[in-house]
Amino acid sequence: MENEDSDPTNDVLFMDGLGFSEENIAKLKHMSIIEVREIINSTKVNISNKKKQNTIRDLGNQNKWKDAPPSPIEAKEIGEETWAENEINEQEYYETMTKPSKEITKVDRSDRIGEDTELELRLKNVSSEDVMKKINSREEWKDMIEELDDFLDDS
């Protein structure tokens, strides 16, 4: 039953992995129990001493920028080496960017619904009298718009 090519160490480990007792392994392999235990224990020590391989971590640790990113000049050089000039559609990158051809004027938001006009005017150090004028003018506009809506609904 036993081959000339069979390796007793692998056989013992295989049988141990299948759940055979040390005594049964020793009987089947015609070995002493001490030899079987030595084989099993030496393999356990070798396995626990072996460094576990983690390919992704090992590759990541080889990265020269793992502690700090490349400088802007290096990053630009990397980009120029990686992509040909016609591979990057610069127009696509700049489409979403606002490039006004003329100066954008500030908008008066004080009469918008939901704006805290009193607080905004106080922060700008405007007197309470001016605040009341602003509020009254807004009320007048509201009334005028409501009258216009009613008029248009009736016609």
N, C-alpha and C. Protein backbone atom coordinates (compact mmCIF):
# COMPACT_ATOMS: atom_id res chain seq x y z
N MET A 1 0.82 -1.19 0.00
CA MET A 1 0.00 0.00 0.00
C MET A 1 0.86 1.25 0.00
N GLU A 2 2.03 1.17 0.52
CA GLU A 2 2.88 2.35 0.62
C GLU A 2 3.76 2.45 -0.62
N ASN A 3 3.83 3.68 -1.19
CA ASN A 3 4.66 3.93 -2.37
C ASN A 3 6.09 4.22 -1.97
N GLU A 4 6.97 4.00 -2.94
CA GLU A 4 8.37 4.40 -2.71
C GLU A 4 8.49 5.92 -2.76
N ASP A 5 7.59 6.55 -3.56
CA ASP A 5 7.65 8.00 -3.76
C ASP A 5 6.96 8.78 -2.65
N SER A 6 6.23 8.14 -1.78
CA SER A 6 5.46 8.89 -0.79
C SER A 6 6.40 9.54 0.23
N ASP A 7 6.04 10.74 0.59
CA ASP A 7 6.83 11.51 1.55
C ASP A 7 6.14 11.39 2.91
N PRO A 8 6.82 10.82 3.90
CA PRO A 8 6.17 10.62 5.20
C PRO A 8 5.70 11.94 5.84
N THR A 9 6.45 13.01 5.64
CA THR A 9 6.06 14.29 6.25
C THR A 9 4.73 14.76 5.68
N ASN A 10 4.61 14.75 4.35
CA ASN A 10 3.35 15.18 3.72
C ASN A 10 2.20 14.24 4.09
N ASP A 11 2.50 12.94 4.16
CA ASP A 11 1.46 11.99 4.53
C ASP A 11 0.95 12.25 5.95
N VAL A 12 1.88 12.50 6.85
CA VAL A 12 1.50 12.76 8.26
C VAL A 12 0.66 14.04 8.34
N LEU A 13 1.10 15.07 7.64
CA LEU A 13 0.36 16.34 7.67
C LEU A 13 -1.02 16.20 7.02
N PHE A 14 -1.07 15.43 5.95
CA PHE A 14 -2.35 15.21 5.28
C PHE A 14 -3.32 14.48 6.21
N MET A 15 -2.84 13.44 6.85
CA MET A 15 -3.69 12.65 7.73
C MET A 15 -4.10 13.48 8.96
N ASP A 16 -3.18 14.31 9.45
CA ASP A 16 -3.50 15.19 10.57
C ASP A 16 -4.60 16.17 10.17
N GLY A 17 -4.50 16.67 8.93
CA GLY A 17 -5.52 17.59 8.42
C GLY A 17 -6.88 16.94 8.28
N LEU A 18 -6.88 15.65 8.01
CA LEU A 18 -8.14 14.92 7.90
C LEU A 18 -8.76 14.61 9.25
N GLY A 19 -7.96 14.78 10.31
CA GLY A 19 -8.49 14.57 11.65
C GLY A 19 -8.09 13.25 12.29
N PHE A 20 -7.14 12.54 11.69
CA PHE A 20 -6.65 11.30 12.30
C PHE A 20 -5.92 11.65 13.60
N SER A 21 -6.01 10.78 14.57
CA SER A 21 -5.27 10.99 15.82
C SER A 21 -3.80 10.68 15.58
N GLU A 22 -2.93 11.21 16.43
CA GLU A 22 -1.48 10.99 16.30
C GLU A 22 -1.16 9.50 16.42
N GLU A 23 -1.87 8.79 17.29
CA GLU A 23 -1.63 7.37 17.49
C GLU A 23 -1.95 6.58 16.22
N ASN A 24 -3.09 6.91 15.59
CA ASN A 24 -3.48 6.20 14.36
C ASN A 24 -2.51 6.51 13.22
N ILE A 25 -2.06 7.75 13.13
CA ILE A 25 -1.09 8.11 12.09
C ILE A 25 0.19 7.31 12.28
N ALA A 26 0.65 7.21 13.52
CA ALA A 26 1.87 6.46 13.82
C ALA A 26 1.72 4.99 13.44
N LYS A 27 0.57 4.39 13.74
CA LYS A 27 0.34 2.99 13.39
C LYS A 27 0.33 2.80 11.88
N LEU A 28 -0.41 3.68 11.17
CA LEU A 28 -0.55 3.53 9.72
C LEU A 28 0.77 3.78 8.98
N LYS A 29 1.58 4.69 9.48
CA LYS A 29 2.83 5.05 8.81
C LYS A 29 4.02 4.28 9.39
N HIS A 30 3.79 3.42 10.33
CA HIS A 30 4.84 2.63 10.98
C HIS A 30 5.93 3.55 11.54
N MET A 31 5.49 4.54 12.31
CA MET A 31 6.39 5.52 12.93
C MET A 31 6.08 5.56 14.42
N SER A 32 6.99 6.17 15.16
CA SER A 32 6.69 6.36 16.58
C SER A 32 5.81 7.61 16.73
N ILE A 33 5.08 7.67 17.83
CA ILE A 33 4.22 8.83 18.11
C ILE A 33 5.07 10.09 18.25
N ILE A 34 6.27 9.96 18.78
CA ILE A 34 7.17 11.11 18.95
C ILE A 34 7.53 11.70 17.59
N GLU A 35 7.82 10.85 16.61
CA GLU A 35 8.17 11.34 15.27
C GLU A 35 6.97 12.07 14.63
N VAL A 36 5.78 11.52 14.82
CA VAL A 36 4.57 12.14 14.27
C VAL A 36 4.36 13.52 14.90
N ARG A 37 4.51 13.60 16.22
CA ARG A 37 4.34 14.89 16.92
C ARG A 37 5.38 15.90 16.46
N GLU A 38 6.61 15.47 16.26
CA GLU A 38 7.67 16.39 15.81
C GLU A 38 7.34 16.97 14.44
N ILE A 39 6.85 16.11 13.54
CA ILE A 39 6.49 16.58 12.20
C ILE A 39 5.36 17.60 12.28
N ILE A 40 4.33 17.28 13.02
CA ILE A 40 3.16 18.18 13.15
C ILE A 40 3.57 19.49 13.82
N ASN A 41 4.32 19.42 14.92
CA ASN A 41 4.72 20.63 15.65
C ASN A 41 5.69 21.49 14.85
N SER A 42 6.62 20.88 14.13
CA SER A 42 7.58 21.67 13.35
C SER A 42 6.87 22.43 12.23
N THR A 43 5.85 21.82 11.66
CA THR A 43 5.09 22.47 10.60
C THR A 43 4.29 23.64 11.18
N LYS A 44 3.71 23.47 12.34
CA LYS A 44 2.94 24.55 12.98
C LYS A 44 3.85 25.74 13.28
N VAL A 45 5.07 25.47 13.74
CA VAL A 45 6.03 26.55 14.03
C VAL A 45 6.42 27.25 12.74
N ASN A 46 6.68 26.50 11.68
CA ASN A 46 7.05 27.10 10.39
C ASN A 46 5.94 27.97 9.83
N ILE A 47 4.71 27.50 9.96
CA ILE A 47 3.58 28.26 9.44
C ILE A 47 3.42 29.57 10.22
N SER A 48 3.55 29.50 11.54
CA SER A 48 3.37 30.72 12.34
C SER A 48 4.52 31.70 12.15
N ASN A 49 5.72 31.23 11.79
CA ASN A 49 6.86 32.11 11.57
C ASN A 49 6.88 32.70 10.16
N LYS A 50 6.14 32.09 9.27
CA LYS A 50 6.15 32.54 7.88
C LYS A 50 5.43 33.88 7.76
N LYS A 51 6.04 34.81 7.05
CA LYS A 51 5.43 36.13 6.86
C LYS A 51 4.26 36.00 5.89
N LYS A 52 3.13 36.53 6.27
CA LYS A 52 1.96 36.48 5.40
C LYS A 52 2.13 37.48 4.27
N GLN A 53 1.83 37.04 3.08
CA GLN A 53 2.02 37.88 1.91
C GLN A 53 0.76 38.69 1.64
N ASN A 54 0.95 39.99 1.44
CA ASN A 54 -0.14 40.87 1.07
C ASN A 54 0.35 41.71 -0.11
N THR A 55 0.01 41.28 -1.29
CA THR A 55 0.53 41.88 -2.51
C THR A 55 0.17 43.36 -2.62
N ILE A 56 -1.06 43.70 -2.31
CA ILE A 56 -1.50 45.10 -2.45
C ILE A 56 -0.71 45.99 -1.49
N ARG A 57 -0.54 45.56 -0.24
CA ARG A 57 0.22 46.35 0.72
C ARG A 57 1.67 46.48 0.27
N ASP A 58 2.24 45.39 -0.21
CA ASP A 58 3.64 45.43 -0.66
C ASP A 58 3.81 46.39 -1.82
N LEU A 59 2.87 46.38 -2.76
CA LEU A 59 2.95 47.34 -3.88
C LEU A 59 2.77 48.77 -3.39
N GLY A 60 1.83 48.96 -2.48
CA GLY A 60 1.58 50.30 -1.96
C GLY A 60 2.79 50.85 -1.21
N ASN A 61 3.50 50.00 -0.51
CA ASN A 61 4.67 50.44 0.23
C ASN A 61 5.84 50.79 -0.68
N GLN A 62 5.80 50.35 -1.93
CA GLN A 62 6.85 50.71 -2.88
C GLN A 62 6.62 52.09 -3.49
N ASN A 63 5.43 52.64 -3.31
CA ASN A 63 5.09 53.93 -3.88
C ASN A 63 5.91 55.03 -3.22
N LYS A 64 6.60 55.83 -4.03
CA LYS A 64 7.45 56.86 -3.43
C LYS A 64 6.65 58.02 -2.84
N TRP A 65 5.33 58.09 -3.14
CA TRP A 65 4.50 59.15 -2.58
C TRP A 65 3.57 58.63 -1.50
N LYS A 66 3.91 57.51 -0.87
CA LYS A 66 3.02 56.95 0.14
C LYS A 66 2.89 57.85 1.37
N ASP A 67 3.93 58.64 1.66
CA ASP A 67 3.88 59.51 2.84
C ASP A 67 3.43 60.93 2.50
N ALA A 68 3.69 61.37 1.28
CA ALA A 68 3.31 62.73 0.88
C ALA A 68 3.07 62.72 -0.63
N PRO A 69 2.08 63.50 -1.10
CA PRO A 69 1.80 63.51 -2.53
C PRO A 69 2.91 64.22 -3.30
N PRO A 70 2.96 64.00 -4.62
CA PRO A 70 3.99 64.68 -5.41
C PRO A 70 3.74 66.18 -5.44
N SER A 71 4.79 66.93 -5.68
CA SER A 71 4.64 68.38 -5.77
C SER A 71 3.84 68.71 -7.03
N PRO A 72 3.29 69.91 -7.13
CA PRO A 72 2.53 70.28 -8.33
C PRO A 72 3.36 70.15 -9.62
N ILE A 73 4.63 70.46 -9.54
CA ILE A 73 5.48 70.35 -10.73
C ILE A 73 5.63 68.89 -11.13
N GLU A 74 5.87 68.01 -10.13
CA GLU A 74 5.99 66.58 -10.42
C GLU A 74 4.67 66.03 -10.97
N ALA A 75 3.56 66.46 -10.39
CA ALA A 75 2.25 65.98 -10.85
C ALA A 75 2.01 66.39 -12.30
N LYS A 76 2.39 67.60 -12.66
CA LYS A 76 2.23 68.06 -14.04
C LYS A 76 3.10 67.22 -14.97
N GLU A 77 4.33 66.94 -14.56
CA GLU A 77 5.23 66.12 -15.38
C GLU A 77 4.67 64.71 -15.56
N ILE A 78 4.10 64.16 -14.49
CA ILE A 78 3.50 62.83 -14.57
C ILE A 78 2.35 62.84 -15.57
N GLY A 79 1.52 63.87 -15.48
CA GLY A 79 0.39 63.99 -16.40
C GLY A 79 0.84 64.11 -17.85
N GLU A 80 1.90 64.89 -18.08
CA GLU A 80 2.41 65.07 -19.44
C GLU A 80 3.02 63.78 -19.97
N GLU A 81 3.65 62.99 -19.09
CA GLU A 81 4.22 61.72 -19.51
C GLU A 81 3.13 60.68 -19.77
N THR A 82 2.06 60.74 -19.00
CA THR A 82 1.02 59.72 -19.07
C THR A 82 0.08 59.93 -20.26
N TRP A 83 -0.36 61.16 -20.48
CA TRP A 83 -1.33 61.43 -21.53
C TRP A 83 -0.72 62.26 -22.64
N ALA A 84 -1.06 61.91 -23.86
CA ALA A 84 -0.65 62.73 -25.00
C ALA A 84 -1.50 63.99 -25.00
N GLU A 85 -1.05 65.01 -25.69
CA GLU A 85 -1.73 66.30 -25.64
C GLU A 85 -3.16 66.22 -26.15
N ASN A 86 -3.40 65.38 -27.16
CA ASN A 86 -4.75 65.30 -27.73
C ASN A 86 -5.67 64.36 -26.95
N GLU A 87 -5.17 63.64 -25.94
CA GLU A 87 -5.99 62.72 -25.15
C GLU A 87 -6.83 63.43 -24.10
N ILE A 88 -6.44 64.61 -23.71
CA ILE A 88 -7.18 65.34 -22.68
C ILE A 88 -7.98 66.44 -23.36
N ASN A 89 -9.29 66.41 -23.16
CA ASN A 89 -10.16 67.41 -23.73
C ASN A 89 -10.24 68.58 -22.74
N GLU A 90 -9.38 69.55 -22.92
CA GLU A 90 -9.33 70.67 -21.97
C GLU A 90 -10.62 71.47 -21.98
N GLN A 91 -11.27 71.54 -23.14
CA GLN A 91 -12.53 72.28 -23.23
C GLN A 91 -13.56 71.69 -22.27
N GLU A 92 -13.57 70.36 -22.17
CA GLU A 92 -14.50 69.68 -21.27
C GLU A 92 -14.24 70.07 -19.81
N TYR A 93 -12.97 70.22 -19.44
CA TYR A 93 -12.64 70.59 -18.06
C TYR A 93 -13.06 72.03 -17.76
N TYR A 94 -12.97 72.89 -18.74
CA TYR A 94 -13.23 74.31 -18.49
C TYR A 94 -14.66 74.71 -18.80
N GLU A 95 -15.50 73.79 -19.32
CA GLU A 95 -16.88 74.14 -19.65
C GLU A 95 -17.67 74.58 -18.42
N THR A 96 -17.45 73.92 -17.31
CA THR A 96 -18.24 74.22 -16.11
C THR A 96 -17.70 75.42 -15.34
N MET A 97 -16.56 75.90 -15.73
CA MET A 97 -15.94 77.01 -15.03
C MET A 97 -16.55 78.34 -15.52
N THR A 98 -16.90 79.21 -14.61
CA THR A 98 -17.47 80.50 -14.99
C THR A 98 -16.34 81.46 -15.35
N LYS A 99 -16.41 81.95 -16.59
CA LYS A 99 -15.43 82.93 -17.05
C LYS A 99 -16.22 84.12 -17.61
N PRO A 100 -16.65 85.02 -16.74
CA PRO A 100 -17.47 86.13 -17.23
C PRO A 100 -16.66 87.07 -18.12
N SER A 101 -17.31 87.51 -19.20
CA SER A 101 -16.65 88.46 -20.10
C SER A 101 -16.80 89.88 -19.59
N LYS A 102 -17.75 90.08 -18.70
CA LYS A 102 -17.90 91.39 -18.07
C LYS A 102 -18.14 91.20 -16.58
N GLU A 103 -17.99 92.25 -15.84
CA GLU A 103 -18.13 92.17 -14.39
C GLU A 103 -19.56 91.85 -14.00
N ILE A 104 -19.72 90.95 -13.05
CA ILE A 104 -21.04 90.57 -12.57
C ILE A 104 -21.45 91.56 -11.48
N THR A 105 -22.59 92.19 -11.68
CA THR A 105 -23.05 93.19 -10.71
C THR A 105 -23.69 92.51 -9.52
N LYS A 106 -23.60 93.14 -8.38
CA LYS A 106 -24.20 92.62 -7.15
C LYS A 106 -25.72 92.76 -7.25
N VAL A 107 -26.42 91.82 -6.66
CA VAL A 107 -27.87 91.81 -6.69
C VAL A 107 -28.38 92.21 -5.32
N ASP A 108 -29.42 93.03 -5.30
CA ASP A 108 -30.04 93.42 -4.04
C ASP A 108 -30.99 92.31 -3.62
N ARG A 109 -30.65 91.59 -2.58
CA ARG A 109 -31.45 90.45 -2.14
C ARG A 109 -32.35 90.81 -0.98
N SER A 110 -32.39 92.03 -0.60
CA SER A 110 -33.12 92.41 0.60
C SER A 110 -34.62 92.19 0.48
N ASP A 111 -35.19 92.22 -0.73
CA ASP A 111 -36.63 92.07 -0.86
C ASP A 111 -37.05 90.63 -1.17
N ARG A 112 -36.13 89.70 -1.11
CA ARG A 112 -36.46 88.30 -1.37
C ARG A 112 -37.17 87.68 -0.17
N ILE A 113 -38.09 86.78 -0.47
CA ILE A 113 -38.80 86.08 0.60
C ILE A 113 -37.80 85.16 1.30
N GLY A 114 -37.86 85.15 2.61
CA GLY A 114 -36.97 84.30 3.37
C GLY A 114 -35.70 85.00 3.81
N GLU A 115 -35.45 86.18 3.30
CA GLU A 115 -34.27 86.94 3.71
C GLU A 115 -34.59 87.66 5.01
N ASP A 116 -33.68 87.67 5.93
CA ASP A 116 -33.86 88.39 7.18
C ASP A 116 -33.33 89.80 6.96
N THR A 117 -34.20 90.65 6.46
CA THR A 117 -33.77 92.01 6.08
C THR A 117 -33.35 92.82 7.29
N GLU A 118 -34.06 92.64 8.39
CA GLU A 118 -33.72 93.43 9.58
C GLU A 118 -32.30 93.10 10.06
N LEU A 119 -31.98 91.82 10.14
CA LEU A 119 -30.67 91.40 10.59
C LEU A 119 -29.59 91.89 9.62
N GLU A 120 -29.85 91.73 8.33
CA GLU A 120 -28.86 92.15 7.34
C GLU A 120 -28.59 93.65 7.42
N LEU A 121 -29.65 94.42 7.58
CA LEU A 121 -29.47 95.86 7.65
C LEU A 121 -28.78 96.27 8.95
N ARG A 122 -29.10 95.57 10.04
CA ARG A 122 -28.43 95.88 11.31
C ARG A 122 -26.94 95.58 11.22
N LEU A 123 -26.61 94.50 10.54
CA LEU A 123 -25.19 94.15 10.37
C LEU A 123 -24.46 95.20 9.54
N LYS A 124 -25.19 95.85 8.66
CA LYS A 124 -24.59 96.89 7.83
C LYS A 124 -24.66 98.27 8.51
N ASN A 125 -25.05 98.25 9.79
CA ASN A 125 -25.16 99.47 10.59
C ASN A 125 -26.13 100.48 9.99
N VAL A 126 -27.28 99.99 9.55
CA VAL A 126 -28.33 100.84 9.02
C VAL A 126 -29.28 101.13 10.17
N SER A 127 -29.80 102.33 10.23
CA SER A 127 -30.67 102.71 11.35
C SER A 127 -32.01 101.97 11.26
N SER A 128 -32.70 101.90 12.40
CA SER A 128 -33.99 101.21 12.45
C SER A 128 -35.02 101.93 11.60
N GLU A 129 -34.85 103.22 11.44
CA GLU A 129 -35.76 104.00 10.59
C GLU A 129 -35.65 103.52 9.13
N ASP A 130 -34.42 103.30 8.67
CA ASP A 130 -34.21 102.80 7.31
C ASP A 130 -34.76 101.38 7.16
N VAL A 131 -34.62 100.59 8.24
CA VAL A 131 -35.15 99.23 8.22
C VAL A 131 -36.66 99.27 8.04
N MET A 132 -37.32 100.13 8.76
CA MET A 132 -38.79 100.24 8.67
C MET A 132 -39.20 100.71 7.27
N LYS A 133 -38.44 101.63 6.69
CA LYS A 133 -38.76 102.09 5.32
C LYS A 133 -38.67 100.92 4.35
N LYS A 134 -37.64 100.13 4.49
CA LYS A 134 -37.41 98.99 3.62
C LYS A 134 -38.56 97.98 3.77
N ILE A 135 -38.95 97.70 5.01
CA ILE A 135 -40.03 96.74 5.27
C ILE A 135 -41.35 97.26 4.70
N ASN A 136 -41.62 98.55 4.91
CA ASN A 136 -42.86 99.14 4.40
C ASN A 136 -42.89 99.11 2.87
N SER A 137 -41.74 99.40 2.24
CA SER A 137 -41.72 99.38 0.78
C SER A 137 -41.96 97.95 0.27
N ARG A 138 -41.48 96.97 0.99
CA ARG A 138 -41.72 95.58 0.60
C ARG A 138 -43.20 95.23 0.75
N GLU A 139 -43.81 95.70 1.84
CA GLU A 139 -45.24 95.46 2.06
C GLU A 139 -46.06 96.09 0.95
N GLU A 140 -45.67 97.30 0.54
CA GLU A 140 -46.39 97.98 -0.54
C GLU A 140 -46.29 97.19 -1.84
N TRP A 141 -45.10 96.65 -2.10
CA TRP A 141 -44.92 95.84 -3.31
C TRP A 141 -45.79 94.59 -3.25
N LYS A 142 -45.83 93.95 -2.10
CA LYS A 142 -46.66 92.75 -1.95
C LYS A 142 -48.12 93.08 -2.24
N ASP A 143 -48.61 94.18 -1.64
CA ASP A 143 -50.00 94.58 -1.84
C ASP A 143 -50.28 94.86 -3.32
N MET A 144 -49.35 95.56 -3.97
CA MET A 144 -49.52 95.91 -5.37
C MET A 144 -49.57 94.64 -6.24
N ILE A 145 -48.70 93.69 -5.95
CA ILE A 145 -48.67 92.43 -6.72
C ILE A 145 -49.95 91.64 -6.51
N GLU A 146 -50.46 91.63 -5.26
CA GLU A 146 -51.71 90.91 -4.98
C GLU A 146 -52.87 91.54 -5.74
N GLU A 147 -52.92 92.88 -5.79
CA GLU A 147 -54.00 93.56 -6.53
C GLU A 147 -53.90 93.24 -8.01
N LEU A 148 -52.67 93.22 -8.53
CA LEU A 148 -52.48 92.91 -9.94
C LEU A 148 -52.88 91.46 -10.24
N ASP A 149 -52.56 90.53 -9.34
CA ASP A 149 -52.96 89.13 -9.50
C ASP A 149 -54.50 89.01 -9.51
N ASP A 150 -55.14 89.71 -8.57
CA ASP A 150 -56.61 89.67 -8.51
C ASP A 150 -57.22 90.23 -9.79
N PHE A 151 -56.65 91.33 -10.27
CA PHE A 151 -57.14 91.96 -11.49
C PHE A 151 -57.01 91.01 -12.68
N LEU A 152 -55.84 90.36 -12.79
CA LEU A 152 -55.61 89.44 -13.91
C LEU A 152 -56.50 88.19 -13.79
N ASP A 153 -56.74 87.73 -12.57
CA ASP A 153 -57.62 86.57 -12.37
C ASP A 153 -59.05 86.88 -12.76
N ASP A 154 -59.50 88.11 -12.49
CA ASP A 154 -60.88 88.52 -12.79
C ASP A 154 -61.10 88.74 -14.28
N SER A 155 -60.05 89.09 -15.02
CA SER A 155 -60.26 89.40 -16.43
C SER A 155 -60.26 88.19 -17.31
